[in-house]
Amino acid sequence: MAFTAKITGVDALMRKFEQAPQKMMEQSKIIIDETVVEIARSARGMVPVKTGHLRGSIRANKYQPGKGASVTAGNDTNINYAAYVEFGTGDKFQIPSYPNVNMNDLEAYAATFKRTKKVNLPHRPFMFMAYSELLGKMVNKLKKVRI
């Protein structure tokens, strides 16, 4: 007498695997978009406010293929002092150490804003503080993405 074991559901499983990359991209995009909005909201809550212009210039830019996602401060306005608030000026220029941030990249980026002016304003981090706090949460959510 012949014995047969039949595997059922293979076609449905193969369809699921074929759709996996698209579903994973869609879920990841949602997580990334939610995170940049949350980073912008957090940065707005941390930024020192004198006139409100800097706080009002903080924007979340959701994911776009080839461009990624970002949070900006002052880019779409005439506000050119966001980096000086973030890192300080003169002798008080400082780059705080943040978890979840590649400090080599941040130091190189921050150095482009370093000036030797006599104005010594302390650093008042808001953007990278928010980024650092929320990046780890985003990565943990991305690790949980399933097909």
Protein backbone atom coordinates (compact mmCIF):
# COMPACT_ATOMS: atom_id res chain seq x y z
CA MET A 1 0.00 0.00 0.00
CA ALA A 2 1.38 3.41 -1.00
CA PHE A 3 1.68 6.19 1.52
CA THR A 4 1.52 9.87 0.45
CA ALA A 5 2.11 13.03 2.44
CA LYS A 6 0.78 16.06 0.71
CA ILE A 7 1.87 19.60 1.53
CA THR A 8 -0.99 22.03 1.08
CA GLY A 9 -0.97 25.79 1.02
CA VAL A 10 2.33 26.07 -0.88
CA ASP A 11 0.86 28.37 -3.52
CA ALA A 12 -0.52 30.74 -0.86
CA LEU A 13 2.85 30.72 0.94
CA MET A 14 4.73 31.48 -2.27
CA ARG A 15 2.36 34.40 -3.01
CA LYS A 16 3.00 35.74 0.48
CA PHE A 17 6.77 35.59 -0.09
CA GLU A 18 6.40 37.33 -3.47
CA GLN A 19 4.46 40.17 -1.80
CA ALA A 20 6.84 40.39 1.19
CA PRO A 21 9.23 43.07 -0.12
CA GLN A 22 6.39 45.47 -0.99
CA LYS A 23 4.59 44.89 2.33
CA MET A 24 7.79 45.36 4.30
CA MET A 25 8.55 48.60 2.42
CA GLU A 26 5.04 49.91 3.06
CA GLN A 27 5.20 49.10 6.79
CA SER A 28 8.71 50.53 7.11
CA LYS A 29 7.69 53.76 5.35
CA ILE A 30 4.82 54.22 7.79
CA ILE A 31 7.17 53.76 10.77
CA ILE A 32 9.77 56.15 9.32
CA ASP A 33 7.14 58.80 8.52
CA GLU A 34 5.65 58.54 12.02
CA THR A 35 9.13 58.85 13.52
CA VAL A 36 10.14 62.01 11.63
CA VAL A 37 6.86 63.64 12.66
CA GLU A 38 7.54 62.63 16.27
CA ILE A 39 11.14 63.91 16.10
CA ALA A 40 9.91 67.27 14.77
CA ARG A 41 7.28 67.48 17.51
CA SER A 42 9.84 66.64 20.18
CA ALA A 43 12.40 69.12 18.81
CA ARG A 44 9.74 71.86 18.81
CA GLY A 45 9.14 71.09 22.48
CA MET A 46 12.86 71.33 23.34
CA VAL A 47 14.00 74.30 21.27
CA PRO A 48 14.57 77.50 23.26
CA VAL A 49 11.98 80.09 22.32
CA LYS A 50 12.66 83.79 22.03
CA THR A 51 10.51 84.82 19.07
CA GLY A 52 9.11 81.43 18.07
CA HIS A 53 10.53 81.67 14.54
CA LEU A 54 12.99 78.81 15.00
CA ARG A 55 10.39 76.56 16.61
CA GLY A 56 7.98 77.36 13.79
CA SER A 57 10.57 76.44 11.17
CA ILE A 58 11.02 72.84 12.35
CA ARG A 59 9.57 70.55 9.69
CA ALA A 60 9.21 66.81 9.19
CA ASN A 61 9.89 65.69 5.63
CA LYS A 62 8.33 62.29 5.08
CA TYR A 63 10.05 59.53 3.14
CA GLN A 64 10.53 60.00 -0.60
CA PRO A 65 12.39 57.46 -2.73
CA GLY A 66 15.90 58.68 -3.44
CA LYS A 67 15.64 61.46 -0.85
CA GLY A 68 14.94 59.59 2.36
CA ALA A 69 13.23 61.30 5.30
CA SER A 70 14.45 64.20 7.40
CA VAL A 71 13.66 66.80 10.00
CA THR A 72 14.83 70.34 9.27
CA ALA A 73 15.01 73.61 11.14
CA GLY A 74 15.18 76.92 9.31
CA ASN A 75 15.64 75.44 5.84
CA ASP A 76 12.49 76.79 4.24
CA THR A 77 12.71 80.19 5.91
CA ASN A 78 15.30 82.92 6.39
CA ILE A 79 16.32 81.47 9.75
CA ASN A 80 20.03 80.69 9.62
CA TYR A 81 20.87 80.22 13.29
CA ALA A 82 19.46 76.78 14.13
CA ALA A 83 22.91 75.15 14.20
CA TYR A 84 24.26 77.88 16.49
CA VAL A 85 21.47 77.20 18.96
CA GLU A 86 22.10 73.44 18.69
CA PHE A 87 25.90 73.56 19.08
CA GLY A 88 26.61 76.97 20.65
CA THR A 89 29.09 79.56 19.42
CA GLY A 90 32.64 80.72 20.08
CA ASP A 91 34.27 79.18 23.14
CA LYS A 92 30.97 77.60 24.15
CA PHE A 93 30.67 75.54 20.95
CA GLN A 94 30.01 71.98 22.09
CA ILE A 95 28.88 68.72 20.58
CA PRO A 96 27.08 66.68 23.21
CA SER A 97 27.45 62.92 23.06
CA TYR A 98 24.22 61.22 22.09
CA PRO A 99 23.31 57.55 22.17
CA ASN A 100 22.06 56.23 18.82
CA VAL A 101 23.97 58.89 16.86
CA ASN A 102 27.14 58.28 14.86
CA MET A 103 29.30 60.79 16.68
CA ASN A 104 32.02 60.88 13.99
CA ASP A 105 29.47 61.98 11.41
CA LEU A 106 27.89 64.46 13.82
CA GLU A 107 31.24 66.01 14.76
CA ALA A 108 32.16 66.47 11.10
CA TYR A 109 28.75 68.00 10.39
CA ALA A 110 28.81 70.28 13.44
CA ALA A 111 32.33 71.47 12.63
CA THR A 112 31.00 73.09 9.45
CA PHE A 113 29.11 75.53 11.70
CA LYS A 114 31.91 76.28 14.16
CA ARG A 115 32.86 79.94 14.21
CA THR A 116 35.48 81.80 16.21
CA LYS A 117 33.36 84.87 16.81
CA LYS A 118 33.47 86.63 20.15
CA VAL A 119 29.84 85.78 20.77
CA ASN A 120 29.80 82.91 23.25
CA LEU A 121 26.35 81.39 23.33
CA PRO A 122 25.94 78.04 25.09
CA HIS A 123 24.74 75.02 23.17
CA ARG A 124 21.05 74.30 23.62
CA PRO A 125 20.49 71.01 21.83
CA PHE A 126 17.05 70.27 20.52
CA MET A 127 17.29 68.56 17.12
CA PHE A 128 19.84 65.85 17.81
CA MET A 129 18.47 65.33 21.31
CA ALA A 130 15.05 64.50 19.83
CA TYR A 131 16.65 62.41 17.09
CA SER A 132 18.73 60.45 19.58
CA GLU A 133 15.77 59.74 21.83
CA LEU A 134 13.52 58.49 19.05
CA LEU A 135 15.91 56.74 16.67
CA GLY A 136 16.28 53.65 18.88
CA LYS A 137 12.50 53.34 19.16
CA MET A 138 12.19 53.53 15.37
CA VAL A 139 14.83 50.82 14.86
CA ASN A 140 13.04 48.54 17.35
CA LYS A 141 9.76 49.03 15.48
CA LEU A 142 11.46 48.30 12.14
CA LYS A 143 12.90 45.08 13.55
CA LYS A 144 9.34 43.93 14.25
CA VAL A 145 8.09 44.45 10.69
CA ARG A 146 6.60 41.19 9.42
CA ILE A 147 5.28 39.95 6.11
